[in-house]
Amino acid sequence: MLGKIVAITGAGRGIGLATARVFSEAGARVMMLGRDVDAMEAAGPDGAEAVHCDVADAASVAQAVAGITSRHGRLDVLINNAGIIDPIAPLAEADPDAFSRAMDVNIKGVFYGLRAAIPPMRAQGGGTIITVGSGAAYRPLEGWGAYCTSKAGALMLTRAAHLEEAANGLRILSMSPGTVATDMQRQIKASGINPVSQLDFADHVPPEWPARLLLWMCGDAADDWLGDEVSLRDENIRRAVGLI
């Protein structure tokens, strides 16, 4: 990973921030993408570059990626990490604007990242794009209609991108982190809806675990999962990454 140009969306906190630190420690040149540049600069690792980016805005994502490739000459890794859980509510009661916002961030944000990163990666002969997914993509959960739908859509976008771009040297895949000790889990806990909200905070894995898995997925060892999803819940994966 030494010297690789790595862009991470939603990098100001949680999995994104942990990933910025793990990749920086591995020698990557980290680009932290998010809406709060000051917060990213304050929390990010030394040498990381904070880049303003609203993943719900196609022009903002395109500008952020174009700026990175202009300054550094390439983009080796894009991690589509930004995501939101709201609205947590039954579908009959969910706020339409909040539902639309979830689609804008969790699905369109992934599409905008793919659309911006694929052309320069194709031109340079390769690159890796990883979507941070969720087990919620595979089954409905009460109150999570928006989240489950958006994560299922993001996974299908990832699979479609692999189908289209694998022959061009791009490695495109998804990572399912399980439940992680971040602010999102505090939101879930406060909602009191569905069994996930009943878990203790101590039951969740630290954000450094998915960050280390993301680093592992950038290497050849993850090639068997191209176009598919790697789950941190899998003990064999945890062992391969060195987490257990």
C-alpha atoms as a PDB file:
ATOM      1  CA  MET A   1       0.000   0.000   0.000  1.00  0.00           C
ATOM      2  CA  LEU A   2       3.084   2.225   0.177  1.00  0.00           C
ATOM      3  CA  GLY A   3       2.510   5.400  -1.831  1.00  0.00           C
ATOM      4  CA  LYS A   4      -0.921   4.338  -3.120  1.00  0.00           C
ATOM      5  CA  ILE A   5      -3.523   7.085  -3.490  1.00  0.00           C
ATOM      6  CA  VAL A   6      -6.551   6.053  -1.426  1.00  0.00           C
ATOM      7  CA  ALA A   7      -9.833   7.995  -1.237  1.00  0.00           C
ATOM      8  CA  ILE A   8     -12.334   7.244   1.540  1.00  0.00           C
ATOM      9  CA  THR A   9     -15.821   8.750   1.679  1.00  0.00           C
ATOM     10  CA  GLY A  10     -17.442   9.473   5.022  1.00  0.00           C
ATOM     11  CA  ALA A  11     -13.945   9.649   6.483  1.00  0.00           C
ATOM     12  CA  GLY A  12     -14.645  11.999   9.365  1.00  0.00           C
ATOM     13  CA  ARG A  13     -15.736   9.379  11.883  1.00  0.00           C
ATOM     14  CA  GLY A  14     -16.511   5.728  12.536  1.00  0.00           C
ATOM     15  CA  ILE A  15     -15.319   3.157  10.016  1.00  0.00           C
ATOM     16  CA  GLY A  16     -14.167   5.860   7.611  1.00  0.00           C
ATOM     17  CA  LEU A  17     -11.886   7.550  10.135  1.00  0.00           C
ATOM     18  CA  ALA A  18     -10.487   4.230  11.360  1.00  0.00           C
ATOM     19  CA  THR A  19      -9.829   3.265   7.745  1.00  0.00           C
ATOM     20  CA  ALA A  20      -7.982   6.506   7.089  1.00  0.00           C
ATOM     21  CA  ARG A  21      -5.703   5.748  10.044  1.00  0.00           C
ATOM     22  CA  VAL A  22      -5.109   2.092   9.119  1.00  0.00           C
ATOM     23  CA  PHE A  23      -4.291   2.886   5.490  1.00  0.00           C
ATOM     24  CA  SER A  24      -2.050   5.772   6.513  1.00  0.00           C
ATOM     25  CA  GLU A  25      -0.125   3.469   8.854  1.00  0.00           C
ATOM     26  CA  ALA A  26       0.280   1.072   5.895  1.00  0.00           C
ATOM     27  CA  GLY A  27       1.978   3.820   3.900  1.00  0.00           C
ATOM     28  CA  ALA A  28      -0.889   5.003   1.694  1.00  0.00           C
ATOM     29  CA  ARG A  29      -1.464   8.626   0.767  1.00  0.00           C
ATOM     30  CA  VAL A  30      -4.940   9.053   2.217  1.00  0.00           C
ATOM     31  CA  MET A  31      -7.608  11.363   0.839  1.00  0.00           C
ATOM     32  CA  MET A  32     -10.381  11.865   3.413  1.00  0.00           C
ATOM     33  CA  LEU A  33     -13.646  12.797   1.675  1.00  0.00           C
ATOM     34  CA  GLY A  34     -16.508  14.343   3.620  1.00  0.00           C
ATOM     35  CA  ARG A  35     -18.568  17.460   4.217  1.00  0.00           C
ATOM     36  CA  ASP A  36     -16.715  18.710   7.321  1.00  0.00           C
ATOM     37  CA  VAL A  37     -13.147  19.437   6.241  1.00  0.00           C
ATOM     38  CA  ASP A  38     -12.169  20.969   9.590  1.00  0.00           C
ATOM     39  CA  ALA A  39     -13.277  17.882  11.520  1.00  0.00           C
ATOM     40  CA  MET A  40     -11.395  15.565   9.161  1.00  0.00           C
ATOM     41  CA  GLU A  41      -8.250  17.655   9.427  1.00  0.00           C
ATOM     42  CA  ALA A  42      -8.496  17.600  13.218  1.00  0.00           C
ATOM     43  CA  ALA A  43      -9.151  13.862  13.557  1.00  0.00           C
ATOM     44  CA  GLY A  44      -7.288  12.420  10.586  1.00  0.00           C
ATOM     45  CA  PRO A  45      -3.801  10.919  10.577  1.00  0.00           C
ATOM     46  CA  ASP A  46      -0.726  13.008   9.802  1.00  0.00           C
ATOM     47  CA  GLY A  47      -0.277  13.499   6.088  1.00  0.00           C
ATOM     48  CA  ALA A  48      -3.893  12.756   5.188  1.00  0.00           C
ATOM     49  CA  GLU A  49      -5.590  15.222   2.874  1.00  0.00           C
ATOM     50  CA  ALA A  50      -9.107  16.418   3.721  1.00  0.00           C
ATOM     51  CA  VAL A  51     -11.273  16.933   0.634  1.00  0.00           C
ATOM     52  CA  HIS A  52     -14.738  18.443   0.700  1.00  0.00           C
ATOM     53  CA  CYS A  53     -17.251  16.019  -0.797  1.00  0.00           C
ATOM     54  CA  ASP A  54     -20.987  15.524  -0.450  1.00  0.00           C
ATOM     55  CA  VAL A  55     -21.636  11.999  -1.753  1.00  0.00           C
ATOM     56  CA  ALA A  56     -25.295  12.863  -2.377  1.00  0.00           C
ATOM     57  CA  ASP A  57     -24.197  15.428  -4.973  1.00  0.00           C
ATOM     58  CA  ALA A  58     -22.875  13.999  -8.258  1.00  0.00           C
ATOM     59  CA  ALA A  59     -20.960  17.176  -9.124  1.00  0.00           C
ATOM     60  CA  SER A  60     -19.322  17.270  -5.697  1.00  0.00           C
ATOM     61  CA  VAL A  61     -18.098  13.675  -6.008  1.00  0.00           C
ATOM     62  CA  ALA A  62     -16.860  14.229  -9.552  1.00  0.00           C
ATOM     63  CA  GLN A  63     -15.009  17.379  -8.507  1.00  0.00           C
ATOM     64  CA  ALA A  64     -13.398  15.661  -5.515  1.00  0.00           C
ATOM     65  CA  VAL A  65     -12.135  12.719  -7.573  1.00  0.00           C
ATOM     66  CA  ALA A  66     -10.981  14.956 -10.441  1.00  0.00           C
ATOM     67  CA  GLY A  67      -9.059  17.099  -7.983  1.00  0.00           C
ATOM     68  CA  ILE A  68      -7.303  14.056  -6.521  1.00  0.00           C
ATOM     69  CA  THR A  69      -6.301  12.676  -9.905  1.00  0.00           C
ATOM     70  CA  SER A  70      -5.137  16.125 -11.022  1.00  0.00           C
ATOM     71  CA  ARG A  71      -2.938  16.636  -7.952  1.00  0.00           C
ATOM     72  CA  HIS A  72      -1.598  13.102  -7.616  1.00  0.00           C
ATOM     73  CA  GLY A  73      -1.787  11.731 -11.140  1.00  0.00           C
ATOM     74  CA  ARG A  74      -3.872   8.680 -10.248  1.00  0.00           C
ATOM     75  CA  LEU A  75      -6.386   7.080  -7.881  1.00  0.00           C
ATOM     76  CA  ASP A  76      -5.538   3.572  -6.735  1.00  0.00           C
ATOM     77  CA  VAL A  77      -8.311   2.839  -4.236  1.00  0.00           C
ATOM     78  CA  LEU A  78     -11.779   4.268  -3.621  1.00  0.00           C
ATOM     79  CA  ILE A  79     -13.694   3.148  -0.552  1.00  0.00           C
ATOM     80  CA  ASN A  80     -17.392   4.038  -0.799  1.00  0.00           C
ATOM     81  CA  ASN A  81     -17.974   4.157   2.942  1.00  0.00           C
ATOM     82  CA  ALA A  82     -20.383   7.041   3.547  1.00  0.00           C
ATOM     83  CA  GLY A  83     -23.790   5.885   4.734  1.00  0.00           C
ATOM     84  CA  ILE A  84     -26.707   6.791   6.975  1.00  0.00           C
ATOM     85  CA  ILE A  85     -29.256   4.722   8.934  1.00  0.00           C
ATOM     86  CA  ASP A  86     -32.136   7.247   9.085  1.00  0.00           C
ATOM     87  CA  PRO A  87     -35.065   7.011   8.864  1.00  0.00           C
ATOM     88  CA  ILE A  88     -35.500   4.301  11.483  1.00  0.00           C
ATOM     89  CA  ALA A  89     -39.270   3.903  11.297  1.00  0.00           C
ATOM     90  CA  PRO A  90     -41.978   1.630   9.905  1.00  0.00           C
ATOM     91  CA  LEU A  91     -42.518   2.295   6.218  1.00  0.00           C
ATOM     92  CA  ALA A  92     -46.039   3.586   6.868  1.00  0.00           C
ATOM     93  CA  GLU A  93     -44.598   6.263   9.157  1.00  0.00           C
ATOM     94  CA  ALA A  94     -41.205   7.013   7.583  1.00  0.00           C
ATOM     95  CA  ASP A  95     -40.608  10.609   6.534  1.00  0.00           C
ATOM     96  CA  PRO A  96     -40.450  10.751   2.706  1.00  0.00           C
ATOM     97  CA  ASP A  97     -37.661  13.335   2.697  1.00  0.00           C
ATOM     98  CA  ALA A  98     -35.562  11.241   5.073  1.00  0.00           C
ATOM     99  CA  PHE A  99     -36.215   8.143   2.948  1.00  0.00           C
ATOM    100  CA  SER A 100     -35.072  10.018  -0.157  1.00  0.00           C
ATOM    101  CA  ARG A 101     -31.975  11.229   1.664  1.00  0.00           C
ATOM    102  CA  ALA A 102     -31.071   7.615   2.522  1.00  0.00           C
ATOM    103  CA  MET A 103     -31.276   6.711  -1.162  1.00  0.00           C
ATOM    104  CA  ASP A 104     -29.245   9.788  -2.097  1.00  0.00           C
ATOM    105  CA  VAL A 105     -26.403   8.864   0.273  1.00  0.00           C
ATOM    106  CA  ASN A 106     -26.450   5.067   0.396  1.00  0.00           C
ATOM    107  CA  ILE A 107     -27.255   4.211  -3.238  1.00  0.00           C
ATOM    108  CA  LYS A 108     -26.638   7.302  -5.351  1.00  0.00           C
ATOM    109  CA  GLY A 109     -23.488   8.084  -3.380  1.00  0.00           C
ATOM    110  CA  VAL A 110     -22.055   4.691  -4.355  1.00  0.00           C
ATOM    111  CA  PHE A 111     -23.060   5.239  -7.993  1.00  0.00           C
ATOM    112  CA  TYR A 112     -21.485   8.693  -8.060  1.00  0.00           C
ATOM    113  CA  GLY A 113     -18.267   7.266  -6.618  1.00  0.00           C
ATOM    114  CA  LEU A 114     -18.179   4.484  -9.210  1.00  0.00           C
ATOM    115  CA  ARG A 115     -18.948   6.884 -12.032  1.00  0.00           C
ATOM    116  CA  ALA A 116     -16.183   9.272 -10.994  1.00  0.00           C
ATOM    117  CA  ALA A 117     -13.492   6.681 -10.220  1.00  0.00           C
ATOM    118  CA  ILE A 118     -13.932   4.122 -13.002  1.00  0.00           C
ATOM    119  CA  PRO A 119     -12.710   6.252 -15.952  1.00  0.00           C
ATOM    120  CA  PRO A 120      -9.364   7.304 -14.398  1.00  0.00           C
ATOM    121  CA  MET A 121      -8.773   3.810 -13.019  1.00  0.00           C
ATOM    122  CA  ARG A 122      -9.551   2.305 -16.408  1.00  0.00           C
ATOM    123  CA  ALA A 123      -7.161   4.780 -18.055  1.00  0.00           C
ATOM    124  CA  GLN A 124      -4.326   3.943 -15.648  1.00  0.00           C
ATOM    125  CA  GLY A 125      -4.836   0.210 -16.115  1.00  0.00           C
ATOM    126  CA  GLY A 126      -6.390  -0.753 -12.793  1.00  0.00           C
ATOM    127  CA  GLY A 127      -7.588   0.121  -9.337  1.00  0.00           C
ATOM    128  CA  THR A 128      -9.719  -1.104  -6.459  1.00  0.00           C
ATOM    129  CA  ILE A 129     -13.198   0.104  -5.492  1.00  0.00           C
ATOM    130  CA  ILE A 130     -14.809  -1.237  -2.318  1.00  0.00           C
ATOM    131  CA  THR A 131     -18.351  -0.583  -1.156  1.00  0.00           C
ATOM    132  CA  VAL A 132     -18.970  -0.735   2.585  1.00  0.00           C
ATOM    133  CA  GLY A 133     -22.091  -2.864   2.639  1.00  0.00           C
ATOM    134  CA  SER A 134     -24.216  -4.479   5.324  1.00  0.00           C
ATOM    135  CA  GLY A 135     -25.909  -7.723   6.221  1.00  0.00           C
ATOM    136  CA  ALA A 136     -29.080  -5.627   5.995  1.00  0.00           C
ATOM    137  CA  ALA A 137     -28.810  -6.013   2.212  1.00  0.00           C
ATOM    138  CA  TYR A 138     -29.921  -9.633   2.528  1.00  0.00           C
ATOM    139  CA  ARG A 139     -32.920  -9.515   4.850  1.00  0.00           C
ATOM    140  CA  PRO A 140     -35.532  -6.999   5.981  1.00  0.00           C
ATOM    141  CA  LEU A 141     -35.468  -5.648   9.515  1.00  0.00           C
ATOM    142  CA  GLU A 142     -38.329  -3.844  11.213  1.00  0.00           C
ATOM    143  CA  GLY A 143     -37.934  -0.081  10.939  1.00  0.00           C
ATOM    144  CA  TRP A 144     -35.016  -0.377   8.542  1.00  0.00           C
ATOM    145  CA  GLY A 145     -36.912  -0.410   5.235  1.00  0.00           C
ATOM    146  CA  ALA A 146     -34.846   2.471   3.859  1.00  0.00           C
ATOM    147  CA  TYR A 147     -31.512   1.133   5.071  1.00  0.00           C
ATOM    148  CA  CYS A 148     -32.069  -2.455   3.933  1.00  0.00           C
ATOM    149  CA  THR A 149     -33.312  -1.312   0.537  1.00  0.00           C
ATOM    150  CA  SER A 150     -30.409   1.081   0.029  1.00  0.00           C
ATOM    151  CA  LYS A 151     -27.766  -1.465   1.051  1.00  0.00           C
ATOM    152  CA  ALA A 152     -29.269  -4.088  -1.265  1.00  0.00           C
ATOM    153  CA  GLY A 153     -29.119  -1.541  -4.072  1.00  0.00           C
ATOM    154  CA  ALA A 154     -25.521  -0.624  -3.282  1.00  0.00           C
ATOM    155  CA  LEU A 155     -24.521  -4.292  -3.425  1.00  0.00           C
ATOM    156  CA  MET A 156     -26.153  -4.699  -6.835  1.00  0.00           C
ATOM    157  CA  LEU A 157     -24.356  -1.583  -8.101  1.00  0.00           C
ATOM    158  CA  THR A 158     -21.081  -3.130  -6.947  1.00  0.00           C
ATOM    159  CA  ARG A 159     -21.821  -6.391  -8.732  1.00  0.00           C
ATOM    160  CA  ALA A 160     -22.833  -4.572 -11.904  1.00  0.00           C
ATOM    161  CA  ALA A 161     -19.651  -2.493 -11.856  1.00  0.00           C
ATOM    162  CA  HIS A 162     -17.554  -5.654 -11.501  1.00  0.00           C
ATOM    163  CA  LEU A 163     -19.361  -7.241 -14.435  1.00  0.00           C
ATOM    164  CA  GLU A 164     -18.612  -4.215 -16.597  1.00  0.00           C
ATOM    165  CA  GLU A 165     -15.078  -3.377 -15.491  1.00  0.00           C
ATOM    166  CA  ALA A 166     -13.254  -6.541 -14.405  1.00  0.00           C
ATOM    167  CA  ALA A 167     -11.899  -6.991 -17.937  1.00  0.00           C
ATOM    168  CA  ASN A 168     -10.414  -3.493 -17.683  1.00  0.00           C
ATOM    169  CA  GLY A 169      -8.295  -4.425 -14.668  1.00  0.00           C
ATOM    170  CA  LEU A 170     -10.551  -2.995 -11.968  1.00  0.00           C
ATOM    171  CA  ARG A 171     -11.101  -4.868  -8.716  1.00  0.00           C
ATOM    172  CA  ILE A 172     -14.608  -4.066  -7.443  1.00  0.00           C
ATOM    173  CA  LEU A 173     -16.107  -5.718  -4.366  1.00  0.00           C
ATOM    174  CA  SER A 174     -18.058  -5.132  -1.167  1.00  0.00           C
ATOM    175  CA  MET A 175     -17.345  -5.470   2.550  1.00  0.00           C
ATOM    176  CA  SER A 176     -19.990  -6.332   5.151  1.00  0.00           C
ATOM    177  CA  PRO A 177     -18.698  -5.264   8.588  1.00  0.00           C
ATOM    178  CA  GLY A 178     -21.379  -6.684  10.866  1.00  0.00           C
ATOM    179  CA  THR A 179     -22.252  -4.455  13.818  1.00  0.00           C
ATOM    180  CA  VAL A 180     -19.554  -1.920  14.641  1.00  0.00           C
ATOM    181  CA  ALA A 181     -19.087   0.308  17.685  1.00  0.00           C
ATOM    182  CA  THR A 182     -19.801   3.673  16.029  1.00  0.00           C
ATOM    183  CA  ASP A 183     -22.259   6.545  16.437  1.00  0.00           C
ATOM    184  CA  MET A 184     -24.647   4.735  14.090  1.00  0.00           C
ATOM    185  CA  GLN A 185     -25.030   1.960  16.661  1.00  0.00           C
ATOM    186  CA  ARG A 186     -25.865   4.582  19.294  1.00  0.00           C
ATOM    187  CA  GLN A 187     -28.664   5.824  17.000  1.00  0.00           C
ATOM    188  CA  ILE A 188     -29.884   2.270  16.560  1.00  0.00           C
ATOM    189  CA  LYS A 189     -29.775   1.637  20.301  1.00  0.00           C
ATOM    190  CA  ALA A 190     -31.766   4.800  21.011  1.00  0.00           C
ATOM    191  CA  SER A 191     -34.474   3.804  18.524  1.00  0.00           C
ATOM    192  CA  GLY A 192     -35.424   0.667  20.448  1.00  0.00           C
ATOM    193  CA  ILE A 193     -36.633  -0.870  17.162  1.00  0.00           C
ATOM    194  CA  ASN A 194     -35.775  -4.455  16.086  1.00  0.00           C
ATOM    195  CA  PRO A 195     -33.326  -6.864  17.765  1.00  0.00           C
ATOM    196  CA  VAL A 196     -30.179  -4.945  16.745  1.00  0.00           C
ATOM    197  CA  SER A 197     -31.168  -2.113  19.091  1.00  0.00           C
ATOM    198  CA  GLN A 198     -31.163  -4.569  22.001  1.00  0.00           C
ATOM    199  CA  LEU A 199     -27.462  -5.361  21.657  1.00  0.00           C
ATOM    200  CA  ASP A 200     -25.040  -3.933  24.180  1.00  0.00           C
ATOM    201  CA  PHE A 201     -22.447  -1.534  22.811  1.00  0.00           C
ATOM    202  CA  ALA A 202     -19.762  -3.957  23.975  1.00  0.00           C
ATOM    203  CA  ASP A 203     -21.183  -6.577  21.594  1.00  0.00           C
ATOM    204  CA  HIS A 204     -20.050  -4.593  18.551  1.00  0.00           C
ATOM    205  CA  VAL A 205     -16.605  -4.922  16.974  1.00  0.00           C
ATOM    206  CA  PRO A 206     -14.286  -1.893  17.044  1.00  0.00           C
ATOM    207  CA  PRO A 207     -14.112   0.188  13.827  1.00  0.00           C
ATOM    208  CA  GLU A 208     -10.455  -0.801  13.425  1.00  0.00           C
ATOM    209  CA  TRP A 209     -11.582  -4.342  12.518  1.00  0.00           C
ATOM    210  CA  PRO A 210     -13.457  -3.440   9.315  1.00  0.00           C
ATOM    211  CA  ALA A 211     -10.681  -0.956   8.539  1.00  0.00           C
ATOM    212  CA  ARG A 212      -8.107  -3.738   8.642  1.00  0.00           C
ATOM    213  CA  LEU A 213     -10.352  -5.947   6.520  1.00  0.00           C
ATOM    214  CA  LEU A 214     -10.617  -3.180   3.925  1.00  0.00           C
ATOM    215  CA  LEU A 215      -6.829  -2.996   3.771  1.00  0.00           C
ATOM    216  CA  TRP A 216      -6.631  -6.785   3.313  1.00  0.00           C
ATOM    217  CA  MET A 217      -9.226  -6.608   0.540  1.00  0.00           C
ATOM    218  CA  CYS A 218      -6.953  -4.341  -1.492  1.00  0.00           C
ATOM    219  CA  GLY A 219      -4.547  -7.252  -1.923  1.00  0.00           C
ATOM    220  CA  ASP A 220      -4.567 -10.365  -4.061  1.00  0.00           C
ATOM    221  CA  ALA A 221      -5.832 -12.508  -1.159  1.00  0.00           C
ATOM    222  CA  ALA A 222      -9.318 -11.073  -1.719  1.00  0.00           C
ATOM    223  CA  ASP A 223      -9.463 -11.795  -5.447  1.00  0.00           C
ATOM    224  CA  ASP A 224     -11.833 -14.734  -4.930  1.00  0.00           C
ATOM    225  CA  TRP A 225     -14.460 -12.214  -3.755  1.00  0.00           C
ATOM    226  CA  LEU A 226     -14.276  -9.812  -6.705  1.00  0.00           C
ATOM    227  CA  GLY A 227     -17.814  -8.846  -7.644  1.00  0.00           C
ATOM    228  CA  ASP A 228     -19.074 -10.215  -4.340  1.00  0.00           C
ATOM    229  CA  GLU A 229     -19.042  -9.358  -0.642  1.00  0.00           C
ATOM    230  CA  VAL A 230     -16.549 -10.222   2.087  1.00  0.00           C
ATOM    231  CA  SER A 231     -18.159 -10.589   5.521  1.00  0.00           C
ATOM    232  CA  LEU A 232     -16.325  -9.695   8.717  1.00  0.00           C
ATOM    233  CA  ARG A 233     -18.670 -12.093  10.508  1.00  0.00           C
ATOM    234  CA  ASP A 234     -16.852 -14.997   8.836  1.00  0.00           C
ATOM    235  CA  GLU A 235     -14.331 -16.432  11.301  1.00  0.00           C
ATOM    236  CA  ASN A 236     -12.120 -17.591   8.440  1.00  0.00           C
ATOM    237  CA  ILE A 237     -11.928 -14.005   7.194  1.00  0.00           C
ATOM    238  CA  ARG A 238     -11.144 -12.706  10.665  1.00  0.00           C
ATOM    239  CA  ARG A 239      -8.371 -15.257  10.929  1.00  0.00           C
ATOM    240  CA  ALA A 240      -6.979 -14.370   7.498  1.00  0.00           C
ATOM    241  CA  VAL A 241      -6.890 -10.681   8.426  1.00  0.00           C
ATOM    242  CA  GLY A 242      -5.224 -11.460  11.761  1.00  0.00           C
ATOM    243  CA  LEU A 243      -8.102 -10.331  13.958  1.00  0.00           C
ATOM    244  CA  ILE A 244      -8.390 -13.677  15.786  1.00  0.00           C
END
